[in-house]
Amino acid sequence: MRWILGAALLVALIAAPARGTSPLVAELLSFFNRYHENPARLDAIRAELEEAVKTDPDVPNLLALAQVCFIWGDIRATSEEQKLQAYDRGRQAAERAVELEPKNVWAHLWFGINTGRWGQTKGVVRSLFLLPTVKREIDTILELDPKLPPAYAFAGNVYYEVPGLLGGGLDTAERMFRKGLELNPRFTSMRVGLARVLIKQGRVAEAQQELQRVLDERNPENLADWTMKDSKRARALLDSLNKPS
């Protein structure tokens, strides 16, 4: 299931508290907005963070590892097995951070994101057992911080993909995406998500407007994601809608 967007929802995490931030963690926080310039650097950052958590498994290091594992799985992995390993390692790191700080919203967000992506990669039938965990994390995240934009991106995609009989729904997905965009209108991956909902609802003209706004965005929250993912997805969807029937 496409329970989560690509790395674009990472953008707001720069705002996360970074007490005692190490140089490596600080590098990751600044690098993911421009990973398109040198994606191979993600390999080294991931390896270095793995070593860091062995000697200093504090929350900032664990969350940075969870983050880079997610990005690496999306950007660098070349096989399903590599993706599953990366997302699984990311959720393990985030779960440990949750154990250390149960009220840390970023720990819950990274645990939910990596768990969802692992399930998506594994496949629909084999990942439905994860749905209660993913939905629990959404509720926890929104309770801890109801003004966190990536939480609404995460939730919007879950409700978009999950069948109605299992608690999903397009109306809820639309509400989540629109709330997130109220908080951060430059969150282009969330705008693509909203367009997908509108397409499924048959509101094609509205979807076209949202997709064009993605393409016209001159100051995206995450330039790397806009360059490598969001603009491409928006263009592909817009072209498909504009094809003669």
Protein backbone atom coordinates (compact mmCIF):
# COMPACT_ATOMS: atom_id res chain seq x y z
CA MET A 1 0.00 0.00 0.00
CA ARG A 2 1.15 3.52 -0.64
CA TRP A 3 0.72 4.47 2.99
CA ILE A 4 3.16 7.34 2.88
CA LEU A 5 4.60 9.84 0.49
CA GLY A 6 8.16 9.88 -0.58
CA ALA A 7 10.90 11.66 1.28
CA ALA A 8 9.15 14.99 0.86
CA LEU A 9 7.36 14.62 4.15
CA LEU A 10 10.78 14.75 5.81
CA VAL A 11 11.06 18.44 5.15
CA ALA A 12 9.40 19.72 8.29
CA LEU A 13 11.59 17.56 10.46
CA ILE A 14 14.36 20.12 10.30
CA ALA A 15 12.35 21.92 12.93
CA ALA A 16 12.67 19.00 15.33
CA PRO A 17 14.52 19.75 18.56
CA ALA A 18 18.13 18.71 18.20
CA ARG A 19 19.56 18.83 21.68
CA GLY A 20 23.15 17.71 21.73
CA THR A 21 23.14 17.38 17.95
CA SER A 22 26.31 15.76 16.66
CA PRO A 23 28.03 17.01 13.49
CA LEU A 24 26.79 13.92 11.65
CA VAL A 25 23.18 14.52 12.66
CA ALA A 26 23.50 18.18 11.75
CA GLU A 27 24.86 17.22 8.33
CA LEU A 28 21.89 14.99 7.63
CA LEU A 29 19.42 17.68 8.65
CA SER A 30 20.94 20.09 6.17
CA PHE A 31 21.72 17.56 3.46
CA PHE A 32 18.31 16.01 2.83
CA ASN A 33 17.03 19.24 1.31
CA ARG A 34 19.71 18.92 -1.37
CA TYR A 35 20.35 15.17 -1.59
CA HIS A 36 19.71 15.40 -5.31
CA GLU A 37 23.13 17.03 -5.64
CA ASN A 38 24.96 13.93 -4.37
CA PRO A 39 22.68 10.97 -3.56
CA ALA A 40 25.68 8.69 -2.98
CA ARG A 41 26.51 10.65 0.16
CA LEU A 42 23.49 8.98 1.76
CA ASP A 43 25.43 5.71 1.77
CA ALA A 44 28.20 7.13 3.93
CA ILE A 45 25.84 8.99 6.26
CA ARG A 46 23.83 5.83 6.84
CA ALA A 47 26.95 3.77 7.58
CA GLU A 48 28.34 6.42 9.91
CA LEU A 49 25.07 6.69 11.82
CA GLU A 50 24.98 2.92 12.26
CA GLU A 51 28.37 3.19 13.94
CA ALA A 52 27.24 6.18 15.98
CA VAL A 53 24.27 4.40 17.53
CA LYS A 54 26.54 1.54 18.60
CA THR A 55 28.56 3.86 20.83
CA ASP A 56 25.95 6.51 21.59
CA PRO A 57 22.39 5.23 21.09
CA ASP A 58 20.73 8.48 22.15
CA VAL A 59 17.49 9.78 20.70
CA PRO A 60 19.01 12.27 18.19
CA ASN A 61 21.24 9.57 16.70
CA LEU A 62 18.41 7.04 16.59
CA LEU A 63 16.06 9.47 14.87
CA ALA A 64 18.72 10.48 12.36
CA LEU A 65 19.30 6.81 11.57
CA ALA A 66 15.57 6.24 11.14
CA GLN A 67 15.41 9.22 8.80
CA VAL A 68 18.37 8.27 6.64
CA CYS A 69 17.18 4.66 6.41
CA PHE A 70 13.89 5.90 5.01
CA ILE A 71 15.55 8.20 2.50
CA TRP A 72 18.06 5.53 1.55
CA GLY A 73 15.30 2.98 0.99
CA ASP A 74 13.48 5.40 -1.30
CA ILE A 75 16.46 6.81 -3.17
CA ARG A 76 19.36 4.38 -3.09
CA ALA A 77 17.97 0.87 -2.70
CA THR A 78 18.00 -1.09 -5.94
CA SER A 79 16.00 -4.15 -4.89
CA GLU A 80 12.96 -4.99 -2.80
CA GLU A 81 15.17 -6.78 -0.31
CA GLN A 82 17.34 -3.69 0.18
CA LYS A 83 14.27 -1.52 0.64
CA LEU A 84 12.76 -3.86 3.22
CA GLN A 85 16.01 -4.01 5.15
CA ALA A 86 16.36 -0.22 5.17
CA TYR A 87 12.78 0.47 6.29
CA ASP A 88 12.94 -2.28 8.89
CA ARG A 89 16.15 -0.84 10.33
CA GLY A 90 14.54 2.58 10.33
CA ARG A 91 11.50 1.42 12.26
CA GLN A 92 13.72 -0.45 14.74
CA ALA A 93 15.71 2.71 15.42
CA ALA A 94 12.58 4.83 15.78
CA GLU A 95 10.91 2.25 18.02
CA ARG A 96 13.91 2.38 20.34
CA ALA A 97 13.62 6.17 20.39
CA VAL A 98 9.94 5.81 21.36
CA GLU A 99 10.96 3.53 24.22
CA LEU A 100 13.44 6.14 25.45
CA GLU A 101 11.08 9.09 24.98
CA PRO A 102 7.44 7.98 24.72
CA LYS A 103 6.24 11.55 24.18
CA ASN A 104 8.70 12.37 21.39
CA VAL A 105 6.51 13.13 18.37
CA TRP A 106 9.39 12.66 15.92
CA ALA A 107 10.08 9.18 17.25
CA HIS A 108 6.45 8.20 16.69
CA LEU A 109 6.42 9.79 13.25
CA TRP A 110 9.53 7.96 12.10
CA PHE A 111 8.28 4.70 13.53
CA GLY A 112 4.98 5.10 11.69
CA ILE A 113 6.59 6.21 8.44
CA ASN A 114 9.09 3.38 8.26
CA THR A 115 6.51 0.82 9.34
CA GLY A 116 4.13 2.02 6.66
CA ARG A 117 6.76 1.98 3.94
CA TRP A 118 7.89 -1.49 4.97
CA GLY A 119 4.29 -2.67 4.66
CA GLN A 120 3.83 -0.96 1.32
CA THR A 121 6.94 -2.65 -0.06
CA LYS A 122 5.94 -6.02 1.36
CA GLY A 123 2.57 -5.91 -0.40
CA VAL A 124 -1.09 -5.28 0.35
CA VAL A 125 -2.20 -8.69 1.57
CA ARG A 126 0.89 -9.34 3.65
CA SER A 127 0.87 -5.90 5.28
CA LEU A 128 -2.70 -5.46 6.47
CA PHE A 129 -1.68 -6.71 9.94
CA LEU A 130 0.33 -3.50 10.29
CA LEU A 131 -2.70 -1.24 9.86
CA PRO A 132 -3.64 -1.04 13.56
CA THR A 133 -0.08 -0.03 14.40
CA VAL A 134 0.03 2.61 11.68
CA LYS A 135 -3.34 4.08 12.67
CA ARG A 136 -2.34 4.09 16.34
CA GLU A 137 0.78 6.07 15.46
CA ILE A 138 -1.28 8.59 13.47
CA ASP A 139 -3.54 9.16 16.46
CA THR A 140 -0.56 9.49 18.81
CA ILE A 141 1.30 11.91 16.55
CA LEU A 142 -1.71 14.18 16.05
CA GLU A 143 -2.41 14.14 19.78
CA LEU A 144 1.18 15.11 20.57
CA ASP A 145 1.38 17.84 17.93
CA PRO A 146 -1.77 18.69 15.94
CA LYS A 147 0.13 21.36 13.99
CA LEU A 148 2.79 19.11 12.49
CA PRO A 149 2.47 19.19 8.66
CA PRO A 150 4.11 15.81 7.88
CA ALA A 151 1.68 14.12 10.24
CA TYR A 152 -1.14 15.12 7.91
CA ALA A 153 0.79 13.96 4.86
CA PHE A 154 1.27 10.59 6.53
CA ALA A 155 -2.36 10.37 7.61
CA GLY A 156 -3.71 11.54 4.26
CA ASN A 157 -1.95 8.78 2.40
CA VAL A 158 -3.06 6.12 4.85
CA TYR A 159 -6.71 7.11 4.52
CA TYR A 160 -6.35 7.37 0.73
CA GLU A 161 -4.98 3.86 0.31
CA VAL A 162 -6.78 1.88 3.02
CA PRO A 163 -10.14 0.42 1.93
CA GLY A 164 -13.21 1.99 3.47
CA LEU A 165 -14.20 -1.25 5.18
CA LEU A 166 -10.89 -1.11 7.07
CA GLY A 167 -11.22 2.50 8.13
CA GLY A 168 -9.96 4.38 5.09
CA GLY A 169 -11.82 7.01 3.11
CA LEU A 170 -11.29 9.71 0.51
CA ASP A 171 -13.15 12.38 2.48
CA THR A 172 -10.88 11.88 5.46
CA ALA A 173 -7.82 11.79 3.23
CA GLU A 174 -8.84 15.09 1.63
CA ARG A 175 -9.41 16.68 5.02
CA MET A 176 -5.98 15.57 6.22
CA PHE A 177 -4.19 16.87 3.14
CA ARG A 178 -5.99 20.21 3.23
CA LYS A 179 -5.21 20.68 6.91
CA GLY A 180 -1.56 19.96 6.25
CA LEU A 181 -1.46 22.41 3.36
CA GLU A 182 -3.02 25.10 5.54
CA LEU A 183 -0.04 24.64 7.84
CA ASN A 184 2.51 24.51 5.02
CA PRO A 185 1.30 25.39 1.50
CA ARG A 186 4.79 24.76 0.03
CA PHE A 187 4.69 21.07 1.01
CA THR A 188 4.48 19.93 -2.60
CA SER A 189 4.26 16.20 -2.02
CA MET A 190 1.15 16.77 0.07
CA ARG A 191 -0.37 18.76 -2.79
CA VAL A 192 0.27 15.83 -5.13
CA GLY A 193 -1.48 13.62 -2.58
CA LEU A 194 -4.49 15.94 -2.54
CA ALA A 195 -4.61 15.87 -6.34
CA ARG A 196 -4.69 12.07 -6.29
CA VAL A 197 -7.68 12.17 -3.95
CA LEU A 198 -9.48 14.67 -6.19
CA ILE A 199 -8.84 12.51 -9.24
CA LYS A 200 -10.33 9.50 -7.51
CA GLN A 201 -13.36 11.59 -6.55
CA GLY A 202 -13.84 12.64 -10.18
CA ARG A 203 -12.96 16.29 -9.49
CA VAL A 204 -10.53 16.50 -12.37
CA ALA A 205 -10.46 20.28 -12.83
CA GLU A 206 -9.58 20.80 -9.17
CA ALA A 207 -6.89 18.14 -9.40
CA GLN A 208 -5.38 19.84 -12.43
CA GLN A 209 -5.18 23.10 -10.52
CA GLU A 210 -3.36 21.45 -7.63
CA LEU A 211 -0.90 19.71 -9.94
CA GLN A 212 -0.18 22.93 -11.78
CA ARG A 213 0.51 24.61 -8.46
CA VAL A 214 3.15 21.99 -7.78
CA LEU A 215 4.80 22.64 -11.14
CA ASP A 216 4.63 26.41 -10.63
CA GLU A 217 6.07 26.33 -7.12
CA ARG A 218 9.22 28.45 -7.03
CA ASN A 219 10.09 27.95 -3.39
CA PRO A 220 9.30 24.34 -2.49
CA GLU A 221 9.85 23.32 1.09
CA ASN A 222 12.22 20.59 -0.06
CA LEU A 223 14.02 21.32 -3.31
CA ALA A 224 15.49 17.82 -3.59
CA ASP A 225 12.09 16.16 -3.33
CA TRP A 226 10.49 18.65 -5.70
CA THR A 227 13.27 18.09 -8.24
CA MET A 228 13.43 14.30 -8.09
CA LYS A 229 9.88 13.34 -7.18
CA ASP A 230 7.09 15.85 -6.78
CA SER A 231 7.45 17.79 -10.03
CA LYS A 232 7.83 14.55 -12.00
CA ARG A 233 4.78 12.97 -10.41
CA ALA A 234 2.75 16.12 -10.92
CA ARG A 235 3.74 16.33 -14.58
CA ALA A 236 2.94 12.67 -15.19
CA LEU A 237 -0.48 12.95 -13.55
CA LEU A 238 -1.28 16.19 -15.35
CA ASP A 239 -0.29 14.72 -18.72
CA SER A 240 -2.48 11.68 -18.08
CA LEU A 241 -5.45 13.91 -17.27
CA ASN A 242 -4.89 16.03 -20.36
CA LYS A 243 -4.76 13.09 -22.76
CA PRO A 244 -7.70 12.93 -25.15
CA SER A 245 -10.15 10.24 -24.08
